[in-house]
Amino acid sequence: MIRTSIDLKGLKLIDRERAAKIASTASRFPCTLTLEGERSILNLKSMIGLLSQTIPKNGMMDLVADGPQEDAATQAMRDVLTL
């Protein structure tokens, strides 16, 4: 398992287009990918889950990859989340 702290301060809401790009990228990898915050765990492969949540006020969340190809998945998700 890889847990990486990520600053999403500039991303307060996840709109439909961004959620689709995140979910599409996450779905390319066989590992489990989540964003974990103070009170939430977001499945990055679920567009509906992404649309239903907001980013914490401080912007800090953990990107967690667990399973096959977790290194590549972590890098790809960091790229798409910080665009």
N, C-alpha and C. Protein backbone atom coordinates (compact mmCIF):
# COMPACT_ATOMS: atom_id res chain seq x y z
N MET A 1 0.84 -1.18 0.00
CA MET A 1 0.00 0.00 0.00
C MET A 1 0.89 1.24 0.00
N ILE A 2 0.49 2.23 -0.80
CA ILE A 2 1.19 3.51 -0.85
C ILE A 2 0.22 4.59 -0.40
N ARG A 3 0.63 5.37 0.59
CA ARG A 3 -0.18 6.50 1.09
C ARG A 3 0.63 7.76 0.87
N THR A 4 0.06 8.69 0.10
CA THR A 4 0.74 9.93 -0.25
C THR A 4 -0.13 11.11 0.12
N SER A 5 0.41 12.03 0.90
CA SER A 5 -0.33 13.24 1.23
C SER A 5 -0.35 14.14 0.00
N ILE A 6 -1.52 14.71 -0.28
CA ILE A 6 -1.67 15.54 -1.47
C ILE A 6 -2.46 16.80 -1.11
N ASP A 7 -2.03 17.94 -1.61
CA ASP A 7 -2.68 19.22 -1.33
C ASP A 7 -3.63 19.55 -2.48
N LEU A 8 -4.92 19.56 -2.17
CA LEU A 8 -5.95 19.84 -3.17
C LEU A 8 -6.64 21.17 -2.87
N LYS A 9 -5.92 22.09 -2.25
CA LYS A 9 -6.50 23.35 -1.83
C LYS A 9 -7.18 24.11 -2.97
N GLY A 10 -6.64 24.04 -4.16
CA GLY A 10 -7.22 24.74 -5.30
C GLY A 10 -8.43 24.03 -5.90
N LEU A 11 -8.78 22.87 -5.38
CA LEU A 11 -9.86 22.06 -5.94
C LEU A 11 -10.94 21.89 -4.87
N LYS A 12 -11.81 22.90 -4.69
CA LYS A 12 -12.83 22.85 -3.64
C LYS A 12 -13.97 21.91 -4.01
N LEU A 13 -14.42 21.97 -5.23
CA LEU A 13 -15.49 21.09 -5.70
C LEU A 13 -14.97 20.30 -6.90
N ILE A 14 -15.49 19.12 -7.05
CA ILE A 14 -15.13 18.31 -8.21
C ILE A 14 -16.31 18.34 -9.16
N ASP A 15 -16.14 19.00 -10.31
CA ASP A 15 -17.23 19.09 -11.28
C ASP A 15 -17.31 17.81 -12.12
N ARG A 16 -18.33 17.73 -12.94
CA ARG A 16 -18.59 16.52 -13.72
C ARG A 16 -17.43 16.15 -14.64
N GLU A 17 -16.87 17.12 -15.31
CA GLU A 17 -15.77 16.85 -16.24
C GLU A 17 -14.53 16.34 -15.50
N ARG A 18 -14.20 16.98 -14.39
CA ARG A 18 -13.04 16.56 -13.58
C ARG A 18 -13.28 15.17 -12.99
N ALA A 19 -14.50 14.92 -12.49
CA ALA A 19 -14.82 13.60 -11.92
C ALA A 19 -14.69 12.50 -12.97
N ALA A 20 -15.13 12.77 -14.18
CA ALA A 20 -15.02 11.78 -15.26
C ALA A 20 -13.56 11.48 -15.58
N LYS A 21 -12.73 12.52 -15.61
CA LYS A 21 -11.30 12.33 -15.90
C LYS A 21 -10.62 11.54 -14.78
N ILE A 22 -10.94 11.87 -13.53
CA ILE A 22 -10.36 11.16 -12.39
C ILE A 22 -10.77 9.69 -12.41
N ALA A 23 -12.07 9.43 -12.56
CA ALA A 23 -12.57 8.05 -12.55
C ALA A 23 -12.03 7.26 -13.72
N SER A 24 -11.93 7.87 -14.88
CA SER A 24 -11.41 7.20 -16.06
C SER A 24 -9.94 6.81 -15.87
N THR A 25 -9.16 7.72 -15.33
CA THR A 25 -7.74 7.44 -15.07
C THR A 25 -7.59 6.34 -14.03
N ALA A 26 -8.35 6.44 -12.94
CA ALA A 26 -8.27 5.45 -11.86
C ALA A 26 -8.67 4.06 -12.35
N SER A 27 -9.62 3.99 -13.25
CA SER A 27 -10.13 2.71 -13.74
C SER A 27 -9.13 1.97 -14.62
N ARG A 28 -8.08 2.63 -15.06
CA ARG A 28 -7.05 1.98 -15.87
C ARG A 28 -6.17 1.05 -15.05
N PHE A 29 -6.24 1.16 -13.73
CA PHE A 29 -5.35 0.40 -12.85
C PHE A 29 -6.13 -0.64 -12.04
N PRO A 30 -5.52 -1.82 -11.82
CA PRO A 30 -6.22 -2.88 -11.09
C PRO A 30 -6.23 -2.69 -9.58
N CYS A 31 -5.48 -1.72 -9.06
CA CYS A 31 -5.42 -1.53 -7.61
C CYS A 31 -6.60 -0.69 -7.12
N THR A 32 -6.79 -0.70 -5.82
CA THR A 32 -7.80 0.15 -5.19
C THR A 32 -7.20 1.54 -5.03
N LEU A 33 -7.97 2.57 -5.40
CA LEU A 33 -7.51 3.95 -5.29
C LEU A 33 -8.55 4.77 -4.53
N THR A 34 -8.10 5.40 -3.45
CA THR A 34 -9.02 6.23 -2.66
C THR A 34 -8.34 7.54 -2.28
N LEU A 35 -9.17 8.53 -2.01
CA LEU A 35 -8.73 9.78 -1.39
C LEU A 35 -9.33 9.76 0.00
N GLU A 36 -8.49 9.91 1.02
CA GLU A 36 -8.96 9.84 2.39
C GLU A 36 -8.70 11.16 3.09
N GLY A 37 -9.77 11.70 3.68
CA GLY A 37 -9.68 12.95 4.41
C GLY A 37 -10.11 12.76 5.85
N GLU A 38 -10.36 13.87 6.53
CA GLU A 38 -10.74 13.84 7.93
C GLU A 38 -11.97 12.96 8.18
N ARG A 39 -12.98 13.12 7.36
CA ARG A 39 -14.24 12.41 7.58
C ARG A 39 -14.75 11.70 6.34
N SER A 40 -13.91 11.49 5.37
CA SER A 40 -14.41 10.87 4.15
C SER A 40 -13.36 9.98 3.50
N ILE A 41 -13.86 8.99 2.80
CA ILE A 41 -13.04 8.13 1.96
C ILE A 41 -13.72 8.10 0.60
N LEU A 42 -13.04 8.59 -0.41
CA LEU A 42 -13.61 8.66 -1.76
C LEU A 42 -12.98 7.60 -2.65
N ASN A 43 -13.81 6.78 -3.24
CA ASN A 43 -13.36 5.80 -4.22
C ASN A 43 -13.10 6.56 -5.52
N LEU A 44 -11.86 6.60 -5.97
CA LEU A 44 -11.52 7.37 -7.16
C LEU A 44 -12.04 6.76 -8.45
N LYS A 45 -12.55 5.55 -8.40
CA LYS A 45 -13.13 4.92 -9.59
C LYS A 45 -14.63 5.19 -9.71
N SER A 46 -15.21 5.87 -8.72
CA SER A 46 -16.64 6.15 -8.70
C SER A 46 -16.92 7.62 -8.99
N MET A 47 -17.42 7.89 -10.17
CA MET A 47 -17.74 9.27 -10.54
C MET A 47 -18.82 9.83 -9.62
N ILE A 48 -19.81 9.04 -9.28
CA ILE A 48 -20.88 9.50 -8.40
C ILE A 48 -20.33 9.85 -7.02
N GLY A 49 -19.45 9.00 -6.50
CA GLY A 49 -18.84 9.29 -5.21
C GLY A 49 -18.04 10.58 -5.23
N LEU A 50 -17.31 10.80 -6.31
CA LEU A 50 -16.51 12.01 -6.44
C LEU A 50 -17.39 13.26 -6.49
N LEU A 51 -18.51 13.17 -7.19
CA LEU A 51 -19.40 14.31 -7.32
C LEU A 51 -20.14 14.63 -6.03
N SER A 52 -20.27 13.65 -5.15
CA SER A 52 -21.07 13.86 -3.94
C SER A 52 -20.25 14.41 -2.77
N GLN A 53 -18.97 14.61 -2.94
CA GLN A 53 -18.11 15.05 -1.84
C GLN A 53 -17.43 16.38 -2.17
N THR A 54 -17.00 17.05 -1.12
CA THR A 54 -16.19 18.26 -1.28
C THR A 54 -14.82 18.01 -0.64
N ILE A 55 -13.89 18.80 -1.04
CA ILE A 55 -12.52 18.73 -0.52
C ILE A 55 -12.50 19.46 0.84
N PRO A 56 -11.80 18.94 1.84
CA PRO A 56 -11.71 19.63 3.13
C PRO A 56 -11.17 21.05 2.98
N LYS A 57 -11.53 21.91 3.91
CA LYS A 57 -11.11 23.32 3.84
C LYS A 57 -9.60 23.50 3.75
N ASN A 58 -8.85 22.66 4.46
CA ASN A 58 -7.39 22.81 4.41
C ASN A 58 -6.79 22.20 3.15
N GLY A 59 -7.60 21.45 2.38
CA GLY A 59 -7.16 20.89 1.11
C GLY A 59 -6.32 19.63 1.20
N MET A 60 -5.97 19.21 2.40
CA MET A 60 -5.08 18.06 2.55
C MET A 60 -5.86 16.74 2.60
N MET A 61 -5.47 15.82 1.75
CA MET A 61 -6.05 14.48 1.74
C MET A 61 -4.92 13.50 1.46
N ASP A 62 -5.18 12.24 1.76
CA ASP A 62 -4.22 11.18 1.45
C ASP A 62 -4.69 10.42 0.22
N LEU A 63 -3.82 10.27 -0.73
CA LEU A 63 -4.06 9.42 -1.89
C LEU A 63 -3.54 8.04 -1.52
N VAL A 64 -4.42 7.04 -1.54
CA VAL A 64 -4.04 5.69 -1.13
C VAL A 64 -4.23 4.74 -2.31
N ALA A 65 -3.16 4.03 -2.64
CA ALA A 65 -3.19 3.01 -3.69
C ALA A 65 -2.81 1.69 -3.04
N ASP A 66 -3.60 0.66 -3.31
CA ASP A 66 -3.34 -0.64 -2.69
C ASP A 66 -3.58 -1.74 -3.72
N GLY A 67 -2.52 -2.46 -4.06
CA GLY A 67 -2.64 -3.57 -4.99
C GLY A 67 -1.67 -3.48 -6.15
N PRO A 68 -1.92 -4.25 -7.20
CA PRO A 68 -1.03 -4.26 -8.36
C PRO A 68 -0.92 -2.88 -9.02
N GLN A 69 0.25 -2.55 -9.46
CA GLN A 69 0.56 -1.31 -10.19
C GLN A 69 0.32 -0.05 -9.34
N GLU A 70 0.46 -0.16 -8.03
CA GLU A 70 0.17 0.98 -7.17
C GLU A 70 1.13 2.15 -7.40
N ASP A 71 2.38 1.88 -7.77
CA ASP A 71 3.33 2.96 -8.05
C ASP A 71 2.88 3.79 -9.25
N ALA A 72 2.57 3.11 -10.35
CA ALA A 72 2.13 3.80 -11.56
C ALA A 72 0.79 4.51 -11.33
N ALA A 73 -0.10 3.88 -10.59
CA ALA A 73 -1.41 4.46 -10.31
C ALA A 73 -1.26 5.73 -9.47
N THR A 74 -0.38 5.68 -8.48
CA THR A 74 -0.17 6.86 -7.63
C THR A 74 0.32 8.03 -8.46
N GLN A 75 1.27 7.80 -9.33
CA GLN A 75 1.80 8.89 -10.16
C GLN A 75 0.73 9.43 -11.11
N ALA A 76 -0.02 8.55 -11.75
CA ALA A 76 -1.07 8.98 -12.68
C ALA A 76 -2.14 9.78 -11.95
N MET A 77 -2.52 9.35 -10.75
CA MET A 77 -3.55 10.06 -10.01
C MET A 77 -3.04 11.40 -9.49
N ARG A 78 -1.80 11.47 -9.08
CA ARG A 78 -1.24 12.77 -8.67
C ARG A 78 -1.27 13.74 -9.83
N ASP A 79 -0.94 13.26 -11.03
CA ASP A 79 -0.96 14.12 -12.21
C ASP A 79 -2.36 14.65 -12.50
N VAL A 80 -3.36 13.77 -12.47
CA VAL A 80 -4.71 14.18 -12.83
C VAL A 80 -5.36 15.02 -11.72
N LEU A 81 -5.02 14.78 -10.47
CA LEU A 81 -5.62 15.53 -9.38
C LEU A 81 -5.04 16.94 -9.22
N THR A 82 -3.84 17.14 -9.67
CA THR A 82 -3.21 18.45 -9.47
C THR A 82 -3.16 19.29 -10.75
N LEU A 83 -3.94 18.92 -11.74
CA LEU A 83 -4.00 19.72 -12.98
C LEU A 83 -4.57 21.09 -12.73
